[in-house]
Amino acid sequence: MANRNYRGIYLIGDKVKSLITHVQVIDFNGNGNPLRPHEYVTRGIKPDYKTLPWREDIIKASREQPKS
């Protein structure tokens, strides 16, 4: 059963070594919380954490956005 209170946002860890230490989640109020991968899976949070982007990729993409 999927946990509808949270959803995964991005991966935290060492991208070069493919070492995921935490998965950043957000609740329906916009509050964020990092969870260890086993907690993420146990709680049934979606999407599958292995499909999420790495935090540094999101930061890099946001810096590359043109400013208006």
PDB file of N, CA and C in Angstrom:
ATOM      1  N   MET A   1       0.841  -1.184   0.000  1.00  0.00           N
ATOM      2  CA  MET A   1       0.000   0.000   0.000  1.00  0.00           C
ATOM      3  C   MET A   1       0.885   1.246   0.000  1.00  0.00           C
ATOM      4  N   ALA A   2       0.604   2.143  -0.885  1.00  0.00           N
ATOM      5  CA  ALA A   2       1.413   3.357  -1.028  1.00  0.00           C
ATOM      6  C   ALA A   2       1.094   4.353   0.086  1.00  0.00           C
ATOM      7  N   ASN A   3       2.122   5.039   0.553  1.00  0.00           N
ATOM      8  CA  ASN A   3       1.980   6.088   1.545  1.00  0.00           C
ATOM      9  C   ASN A   3       1.678   7.377   0.800  1.00  0.00           C
ATOM     10  N   ARG A   4       0.486   7.898   0.983  1.00  0.00           N
ATOM     11  CA  ARG A   4       0.061   9.100   0.261  1.00  0.00           C
ATOM     12  C   ARG A   4       0.430  10.391   1.002  1.00  0.00           C
ATOM     13  N   ASN A   5       1.013  10.269   2.199  1.00  0.00           N
ATOM     14  CA  ASN A   5       1.391  11.453   2.959  1.00  0.00           C
ATOM     15  C   ASN A   5       2.711  12.049   2.483  1.00  0.00           C
ATOM     16  N   TYR A   6       3.552  11.234   1.877  1.00  0.00           N
ATOM     17  CA  TYR A   6       4.863  11.685   1.408  1.00  0.00           C
ATOM     18  C   TYR A   6       5.088  11.263  -0.031  1.00  0.00           C
ATOM     19  N   ARG A   7       6.007  11.976  -0.681  1.00  0.00           N
ATOM     20  CA  ARG A   7       6.485  11.531  -1.996  1.00  0.00           C
ATOM     21  C   ARG A   7       7.973  11.835  -2.071  1.00  0.00           C
ATOM     22  N   GLY A   8       8.687  10.981  -2.800  1.00  0.00           N
ATOM     23  CA  GLY A   8      10.117  11.149  -2.949  1.00  0.00           C
ATOM     24  C   GLY A   8      10.459  12.284  -3.892  1.00  0.00           C
ATOM     25  N   ILE A   9      11.528  12.998  -3.578  1.00  0.00           N
ATOM     26  CA  ILE A   9      11.957  14.144  -4.392  1.00  0.00           C
ATOM     27  C   ILE A   9      13.311  13.891  -5.059  1.00  0.00           C
ATOM     28  N   TYR A  10      14.321  13.514  -4.258  1.00  0.00           N
ATOM     29  CA  TYR A  10      15.648  13.275  -4.822  1.00  0.00           C
ATOM     30  C   TYR A  10      16.479  12.385  -3.894  1.00  0.00           C
ATOM     31  N   LEU A  11      17.591  11.912  -4.454  1.00  0.00           N
ATOM     32  CA  LEU A  11      18.523  11.045  -3.729  1.00  0.00           C
ATOM     33  C   LEU A  11      19.652  11.864  -3.118  1.00  0.00           C
ATOM     34  N   ILE A  12      20.102  11.452  -1.945  1.00  0.00           N
ATOM     35  CA  ILE A  12      21.219  12.084  -1.260  1.00  0.00           C
ATOM     36  C   ILE A  12      22.289  11.009  -1.061  1.00  0.00           C
ATOM     37  N   GLY A  13      23.529  11.350  -1.359  1.00  0.00           N
ATOM     38  CA  GLY A  13      24.622  10.404  -1.171  1.00  0.00           C
ATOM     39  C   GLY A  13      25.777  10.716  -2.095  1.00  0.00           C
ATOM     40  N   ASP A  14      26.488   9.694  -2.495  1.00  0.00           N
ATOM     41  CA  ASP A  14      27.644   9.827  -3.380  1.00  0.00           C
ATOM     42  C   ASP A  14      27.274   9.291  -4.759  1.00  0.00           C
ATOM     43  N   LYS A  15      26.949  10.198  -5.658  1.00  0.00           N
ATOM     44  CA  LYS A  15      26.520   9.801  -7.000  1.00  0.00           C
ATOM     45  C   LYS A  15      27.617   9.037  -7.739  1.00  0.00           C
ATOM     46  N   VAL A  16      28.855   9.462  -7.600  1.00  0.00           N
ATOM     47  CA  VAL A  16      29.975   8.825  -8.293  1.00  0.00           C
ATOM     48  C   VAL A  16      30.089   7.352  -7.896  1.00  0.00           C
ATOM     49  N   LYS A  17      29.897   7.068  -6.613  1.00  0.00           N
ATOM     50  CA  LYS A  17      29.985   5.696  -6.111  1.00  0.00           C
ATOM     51  C   LYS A  17      28.626   4.974  -6.138  1.00  0.00           C
ATOM     52  N   SER A  18      27.579   5.671  -6.601  1.00  0.00           N
ATOM     53  CA  SER A  18      26.209   5.137  -6.580  1.00  0.00           C
ATOM     54  C   SER A  18      25.802   4.694  -5.176  1.00  0.00           C
ATOM     55  N   LEU A  19      26.183   5.493  -4.179  1.00  0.00           N
ATOM     56  CA  LEU A  19      25.879   5.191  -2.793  1.00  0.00           C
ATOM     57  C   LEU A  19      24.765   6.122  -2.302  1.00  0.00           C
ATOM     58  N   ILE A  20      23.585   5.571  -2.133  1.00  0.00           N
ATOM     59  CA  ILE A  20      22.439   6.347  -1.674  1.00  0.00           C
ATOM     60  C   ILE A  20      22.364   6.233  -0.153  1.00  0.00           C
ATOM     61  N   THR A  21      22.493   7.357   0.536  1.00  0.00           N
ATOM     62  CA  THR A  21      22.416   7.340   1.995  1.00  0.00           C
ATOM     63  C   THR A  21      21.029   7.737   2.487  1.00  0.00           C
ATOM     64  N   HIS A  22      20.364   8.622   1.755  1.00  0.00           N
ATOM     65  CA  HIS A  22      19.029   9.096   2.139  1.00  0.00           C
ATOM     66  C   HIS A  22      18.208   9.413   0.891  1.00  0.00           C
ATOM     67  N   VAL A  23      16.906   9.461   1.093  1.00  0.00           N
ATOM     68  CA  VAL A  23      15.974   9.889   0.058  1.00  0.00           C
ATOM     69  C   VAL A  23      15.203  11.064   0.638  1.00  0.00           C
ATOM     70  N   GLN A  24      15.259  12.198  -0.034  1.00  0.00           N
ATOM     71  CA  GLN A  24      14.515  13.378   0.437  1.00  0.00           C
ATOM     72  C   GLN A  24      13.056  13.205   0.057  1.00  0.00           C
ATOM     73  N   VAL A  25      12.173  13.364   1.055  1.00  0.00           N
ATOM     74  CA  VAL A  25      10.738  13.285   0.811  1.00  0.00           C
ATOM     75  C   VAL A  25      10.095  14.606   1.192  1.00  0.00           C
ATOM     76  N   ILE A  26       8.887  14.794   0.716  1.00  0.00           N
ATOM     77  CA  ILE A  26       8.126  15.991   1.035  1.00  0.00           C
ATOM     78  C   ILE A  26       6.696  15.562   1.336  1.00  0.00           C
ATOM     79  N   ASP A  27       6.062  16.216   2.300  1.00  0.00           N
ATOM     80  CA  ASP A  27       4.676  15.887   2.602  1.00  0.00           C
ATOM     81  C   ASP A  27       3.752  16.865   1.883  1.00  0.00           C
ATOM     82  N   PHE A  28       2.448  16.668   2.057  1.00  0.00           N
ATOM     83  CA  PHE A  28       1.473  17.493   1.335  1.00  0.00           C
ATOM     84  C   PHE A  28       1.471  18.946   1.790  1.00  0.00           C
ATOM     85  N   ASN A  29       2.120  19.251   2.920  1.00  0.00           N
ATOM     86  CA  ASN A  29       2.251  20.637   3.385  1.00  0.00           C
ATOM     87  C   ASN A  29       3.541  21.292   2.908  1.00  0.00           C
ATOM     88  N   GLY A  30       4.388  20.530   2.207  1.00  0.00           N
ATOM     89  CA  GLY A  30       5.644  21.069   1.714  1.00  0.00           C
ATOM     90  C   GLY A  30       6.810  20.901   2.663  1.00  0.00           C
ATOM     91  N   ASN A  31       6.623  20.158   3.745  1.00  0.00           N
ATOM     92  CA  ASN A  31       7.693  19.917   4.708  1.00  0.00           C
ATOM     93  C   ASN A  31       8.574  18.772   4.227  1.00  0.00           C
ATOM     94  N   GLY A  32       9.876  18.986   4.236  1.00  0.00           N
ATOM     95  CA  GLY A  32      10.809  17.981   3.773  1.00  0.00           C
ATOM     96  C   GLY A  32      11.433  17.188   4.911  1.00  0.00           C
ATOM     97  N   ASN A  33      11.854  15.964   4.573  1.00  0.00           N
ATOM     98  CA  ASN A  33      12.483  15.097   5.559  1.00  0.00           C
ATOM     99  C   ASN A  33      13.321  14.057   4.829  1.00  0.00           C
ATOM    100  N   PRO A  34      14.587  13.865   5.204  1.00  0.00           N
ATOM    101  CA  PRO A  34      15.382  12.809   4.587  1.00  0.00           C
ATOM    102  C   PRO A  34      15.141  11.480   5.303  1.00  0.00           C
ATOM    103  N   LEU A  35      14.968  10.415   4.528  1.00  0.00           N
ATOM    104  CA  LEU A  35      14.786   9.070   5.079  1.00  0.00           C
ATOM    105  C   LEU A  35      15.846   8.143   4.511  1.00  0.00           C
ATOM    106  N   ARG A  36      16.271   7.171   5.296  1.00  0.00           N
ATOM    107  CA  ARG A  36      17.162   6.132   4.770  1.00  0.00           C
ATOM    108  C   ARG A  36      16.369   5.292   3.784  1.00  0.00           C
ATOM    109  N   PRO A  37      17.044   4.754   2.758  1.00  0.00           N
ATOM    110  CA  PRO A  37      16.318   3.992   1.735  1.00  0.00           C
ATOM    111  C   PRO A  37      15.414   2.890   2.288  1.00  0.00           C
ATOM    112  N   HIS A  38      15.854   2.156   3.323  1.00  0.00           N
ATOM    113  CA  HIS A  38      15.004   1.083   3.857  1.00  0.00           C
ATOM    114  C   HIS A  38      13.741   1.634   4.517  1.00  0.00           C
ATOM    115  N   GLU A  39      13.824   2.828   5.124  1.00  0.00           N
ATOM    116  CA  GLU A  39      12.641   3.461   5.704  1.00  0.00           C
ATOM    117  C   GLU A  39      11.672   3.891   4.601  1.00  0.00           C
ATOM    118  N   TYR A  40      12.233   4.417   3.520  1.00  0.00           N
ATOM    119  CA  TYR A  40      11.437   4.856   2.371  1.00  0.00           C
ATOM    120  C   TYR A  40      10.631   3.678   1.822  1.00  0.00           C
ATOM    121  N   VAL A  41      11.293   2.544   1.623  1.00  0.00           N
ATOM    122  CA  VAL A  41      10.635   1.358   1.073  1.00  0.00           C
ATOM    123  C   VAL A  41       9.614   0.801   2.070  1.00  0.00           C
ATOM    124  N   THR A  42      10.002   0.692   3.336  1.00  0.00           N
ATOM    125  CA  THR A  42       9.115   0.152   4.361  1.00  0.00           C
ATOM    126  C   THR A  42       7.831   0.970   4.476  1.00  0.00           C
ATOM    127  N   ARG A  43       7.936   2.275   4.338  1.00  0.00           N
ATOM    128  CA  ARG A  43       6.753   3.154   4.433  1.00  0.00           C
ATOM    129  C   ARG A  43       5.915   3.160   3.157  1.00  0.00           C
ATOM    130  N   GLY A  44       6.404   2.533   2.102  1.00  0.00           N
ATOM    131  CA  GLY A  44       5.633   2.447   0.862  1.00  0.00           C
ATOM    132  C   GLY A  44       5.505   3.763   0.116  1.00  0.00           C
ATOM    133  N   ILE A  45       6.505   4.606   0.240  1.00  0.00           N
ATOM    134  CA  ILE A  45       6.477   5.915  -0.415  1.00  0.00           C
ATOM    135  C   ILE A  45       6.777   5.736  -1.904  1.00  0.00           C
ATOM    136  N   LYS A  46       6.119   6.517  -2.721  1.00  0.00           N
ATOM    137  CA  LYS A  46       6.297   6.466  -4.169  1.00  0.00           C
ATOM    138  C   LYS A  46       6.908   7.766  -4.645  1.00  0.00           C
ATOM    139  N   PRO A  47       7.526   7.834  -5.797  1.00  0.00           N
ATOM    140  CA  PRO A  47       7.825   6.708  -6.676  1.00  0.00           C
ATOM    141  C   PRO A  47       8.990   5.883  -6.135  1.00  0.00           C
ATOM    142  N   ASP A  48       9.294   4.802  -6.828  1.00  0.00           N
ATOM    143  CA  ASP A  48      10.443   3.967  -6.477  1.00  0.00           C
ATOM    144  C   ASP A  48      11.663   4.882  -6.372  1.00  0.00           C
ATOM    145  N   TYR A  49      12.370   4.830  -5.254  1.00  0.00           N
ATOM    146  CA  TYR A  49      13.489   5.763  -5.042  1.00  0.00           C
ATOM    147  C   TYR A  49      14.579   5.629  -6.093  1.00  0.00           C
ATOM    148  N   LYS A  50      14.702   4.464  -6.706  1.00  0.00           N
ATOM    149  CA  LYS A  50      15.747   4.275  -7.716  1.00  0.00           C
ATOM    150  C   LYS A  50      15.474   5.071  -8.995  1.00  0.00           C
ATOM    151  N   THR A  51      14.262   5.603  -9.123  1.00  0.00           N
ATOM    152  CA  THR A  51      13.915   6.404 -10.304  1.00  0.00           C
ATOM    153  C   THR A  51      14.110   7.901 -10.068  1.00  0.00           C
ATOM    154  N   LEU A  52      14.448   8.290  -8.829  1.00  0.00           N
ATOM    155  CA  LEU A  52      14.580   9.710  -8.497  1.00  0.00           C
ATOM    156  C   LEU A  52      15.935  10.264  -8.938  1.00  0.00           C
ATOM    157  N   PRO A  53      15.978  11.572  -9.226  1.00  0.00           N
ATOM    158  CA  PRO A  53      17.257  12.196  -9.576  1.00  0.00           C
ATOM    159  C   PRO A  53      18.118  12.410  -8.338  1.00  0.00           C
ATOM    160  N   TRP A  54      19.406  12.615  -8.562  1.00  0.00           N
ATOM    161  CA  TRP A  54      20.335  12.951  -7.482  1.00  0.00           C
ATOM    162  C   TRP A  54      20.183  14.428  -7.126  1.00  0.00           C
ATOM    163  N   ARG A  55      20.413  14.761  -5.871  1.00  0.00           N
ATOM    164  CA  ARG A  55      20.300  16.148  -5.406  1.00  0.00           C
ATOM    165  C   ARG A  55      21.184  17.079  -6.226  1.00  0.00           C
ATOM    166  N   GLU A  56      22.423  16.675  -6.498  1.00  0.00           N
ATOM    167  CA  GLU A  56      23.318  17.570  -7.234  1.00  0.00           C
ATOM    168  C   GLU A  56      22.843  17.837  -8.662  1.00  0.00           C
ATOM    169  N   ASP A  57      22.111  16.892  -9.256  1.00  0.00           N
ATOM    170  CA  ASP A  57      21.563  17.120 -10.595  1.00  0.00           C
ATOM    171  C   ASP A  57      20.462  18.174 -10.565  1.00  0.00           C
ATOM    172  N   ILE A  58      19.673  18.160  -9.507  1.00  0.00           N
ATOM    173  CA  ILE A  58      18.615  19.172  -9.363  1.00  0.00           C
ATOM    174  C   ILE A  58      19.229  20.542  -9.123  1.00  0.00           C
ATOM    175  N   ILE A  59      20.244  20.610  -8.267  1.00  0.00           N
ATOM    176  CA  ILE A  59      20.916  21.883  -7.984  1.00  0.00           C
ATOM    177  C   ILE A  59      21.553  22.423  -9.267  1.00  0.00           C
ATOM    178  N   LYS A  60      22.226  21.565 -10.007  1.00  0.00           N
ATOM    179  CA  LYS A  60      22.879  21.976 -11.249  1.00  0.00           C
ATOM    180  C   LYS A  60      21.854  22.497 -12.241  1.00  0.00           C
ATOM    181  N   ALA A  61      20.740  21.795 -12.392  1.00  0.00           N
ATOM    182  CA  ALA A  61      19.697  22.216 -13.335  1.00  0.00           C
ATOM    183  C   ALA A  61      19.101  23.562 -12.939  1.00  0.00           C
ATOM    184  N   SER A  62      18.920  23.781 -11.627  1.00  0.00           N
ATOM    185  CA  SER A  62      18.340  25.056 -11.182  1.00  0.00           C
ATOM    186  C   SER A  62      19.301  26.217 -11.439  1.00  0.00           C
ATOM    187  N   ARG A  63      20.586  25.952 -11.361  1.00  0.00           N
ATOM    188  CA  ARG A  63      21.573  27.017 -11.634  1.00  0.00           C
ATOM    189  C   ARG A  63      21.659  27.338 -13.112  1.00  0.00           C
ATOM    190  N   GLU A  64      21.326  26.370 -13.950  1.00  0.00           N
ATOM    191  CA  GLU A  64      21.410  26.570 -15.401  1.00  0.00           C
ATOM    192  C   GLU A  64      20.168  27.231 -15.966  1.00  0.00           C
ATOM    193  N   GLN A  65      19.120  27.381 -15.162  1.00  0.00           N
ATOM    194  CA  GLN A  65      17.878  28.005 -15.628  1.00  0.00           C
ATOM    195  C   GLN A  65      18.134  29.491 -15.868  1.00  0.00           C
ATOM    196  N   PRO A  66      17.669  30.004 -16.999  1.00  0.00           N
ATOM    197  CA  PRO A  66      17.835  31.447 -17.229  1.00  0.00           C
ATOM    198  C   PRO A  66      16.992  32.240 -16.238  1.00  0.00           C
ATOM    199  N   LYS A  67      17.549  33.331 -15.758  1.00  0.00           N
ATOM    200  CA  LYS A  67      16.821  34.191 -14.823  1.00  0.00           C
ATOM    201  C   LYS A  67      15.969  35.168 -15.592  1.00  0.00           C
ATOM    202  N   SER A  68      14.738  35.359 -15.114  1.00  0.00           N
ATOM    203  CA  SER A  68      13.835  36.294 -15.824  1.00  0.00           C
ATOM    204  C   SER A  68      13.741  37.615 -15.144  1.00  0.00           C
TER     205      SER A  68
END
